[in-house]
Protein backbone atom coordinates (compact mmCIF):
# COMPACT_ATOMS: atom_id res chain seq x y z
CA UNK A 1 0.11 -0.24 0.20
CA UNK A 2 1.30 3.19 -0.47
CA UNK A 3 1.93 6.00 1.88
CA UNK A 4 -0.55 7.93 0.73
CA UNK A 5 -3.68 5.44 0.98
CA UNK A 6 -1.97 4.22 4.58
CA UNK A 7 -2.34 8.16 5.54
CA UNK A 8 -5.40 8.39 4.62
CA UNK A 9 -6.78 5.14 5.95
CA UNK A 10 -5.29 6.36 9.48
CA UNK A 11 -7.54 6.45 12.62
CA UNK A 12 -7.31 10.61 12.83
CA UNK A 13 -8.74 10.86 8.70
CA UNK A 14 -11.28 8.18 9.38
CA UNK A 15 -12.92 9.47 12.76
CA UNK A 16 -12.31 13.46 11.58
CA UNK A 17 -14.17 12.24 8.24
CA UNK A 18 -16.92 10.18 10.46
CA UNK A 19 -17.49 13.20 12.54
CA UNK A 20 -17.65 15.83 10.06
CA UNK A 21 -20.22 13.31 8.33
CA UNK A 22 -22.11 13.06 11.70
CA UNK A 23 -22.46 16.98 12.04
CA UNK A 24 -23.31 17.39 8.54
CA UNK A 25 -26.26 15.12 8.90
CA UNK A 26 -27.35 15.80 11.93
CA UNK A 27 -27.09 19.25 12.34
CA UNK A 28 -28.38 19.31 16.65
CA UNK A 29 -27.75 20.07 19.89
CA UNK A 30 -26.69 16.71 20.74
CA UNK A 31 -24.46 16.75 18.18
CA UNK A 32 -22.90 20.21 19.11
CA UNK A 33 -22.96 18.98 22.66
CA UNK A 34 -20.87 15.37 21.75
CA UNK A 35 -18.30 17.64 19.65
CA UNK A 36 -17.51 20.43 22.48
CA UNK A 37 -17.67 17.79 25.41
CA UNK A 38 -15.21 15.53 23.57
CA UNK A 39 -12.93 18.31 22.57
CA UNK A 40 -13.06 19.76 26.20
CA UNK A 41 -12.52 15.71 27.29
CA UNK A 42 -8.86 15.81 25.46
CA UNK A 43 -8.19 19.13 26.50
CA UNK A 44 -8.61 17.50 30.25
CA UNK A 45 -6.90 13.85 29.33
CA UNK A 46 -3.67 16.07 28.13
CA UNK A 47 -3.61 18.07 31.49
CA UNK A 48 -4.30 14.92 33.40
CA UNK A 49 -1.15 13.19 31.88
CA UNK A 50 1.11 16.54 32.32
CA UNK A 51 0.13 16.94 35.86
CA UNK A 52 0.79 13.01 36.98
CA UNK A 53 2.94 12.24 34.37
CA UNK A 54 3.59 8.68 34.84
CA UNK A 55 5.48 6.78 32.37
CA UNK A 56 3.90 3.91 30.44
CA UNK A 57 5.96 0.47 30.76
CA UNK A 58 9.12 -0.25 29.21
CA UNK A 59 7.54 -2.31 26.57
CA UNK A 60 5.19 0.49 25.20
CA UNK A 61 8.14 2.86 25.15
CA UNK A 62 10.18 0.26 22.80
CA UNK A 63 7.13 0.57 21.23
CA UNK A 64 7.99 4.29 20.19
CA UNK A 65 5.02 5.34 22.73
CA UNK A 66 7.00 7.85 24.99
CA UNK A 67 4.44 10.13 26.43
CA UNK A 68 2.71 9.87 29.77
CA UNK A 69 0.63 6.65 29.69
CA UNK A 70 -1.87 7.71 32.98
CA UNK A 71 -4.88 8.06 32.32
CA UNK A 72 -5.46 5.86 29.00
CA UNK A 73 -7.07 8.72 26.49
CA UNK A 74 -9.08 5.30 25.47
CA UNK A 75 -10.20 5.09 28.81
CA UNK A 76 -10.71 8.40 29.64
CA UNK A 77 -13.29 9.08 26.13
CA UNK A 78 -15.00 5.85 26.56
CA UNK A 79 -15.74 7.76 30.03
CA UNK A 80 -17.05 10.93 28.65
CA UNK A 81 -19.23 8.72 25.96
CA UNK A 82 -20.61 6.60 27.95
CA UNK A 83 -21.80 9.66 30.55
CA UNK A 84 -22.95 11.67 27.89
CA UNK A 85 -24.91 9.05 26.01
CA UNK A 86 -26.44 7.71 29.57
CA UNK A 87 -27.42 11.71 30.40
CA UNK A 88 -28.84 12.29 26.83
CA UNK A 89 -31.18 9.15 27.45
CA UNK A 90 -32.15 9.86 30.44
CA UNK A 91 -33.42 13.71 29.83
CA UNK A 92 -35.14 12.23 26.74
CA UNK A 93 -37.09 10.46 28.95
């Protein structure tokens, strides 16, 4: 596979494209709150990583991940999404 195709198929572009398509398709308060909350959640995750500054295990560092590993960005985002969707469902009923 060429480098251009690999770059286009990378996660950041797939997620960005999906978010843009959803925002264009569903232009409502739910999407705006979801995107703003996700952005603020990402910023908070980076701030917490720098505050705690707990390094990753040696295996991860060898694999090229040299940024702090705690808190997990994936766990942080999934916690936000679960909380946000739970509150949206709760308030709609």
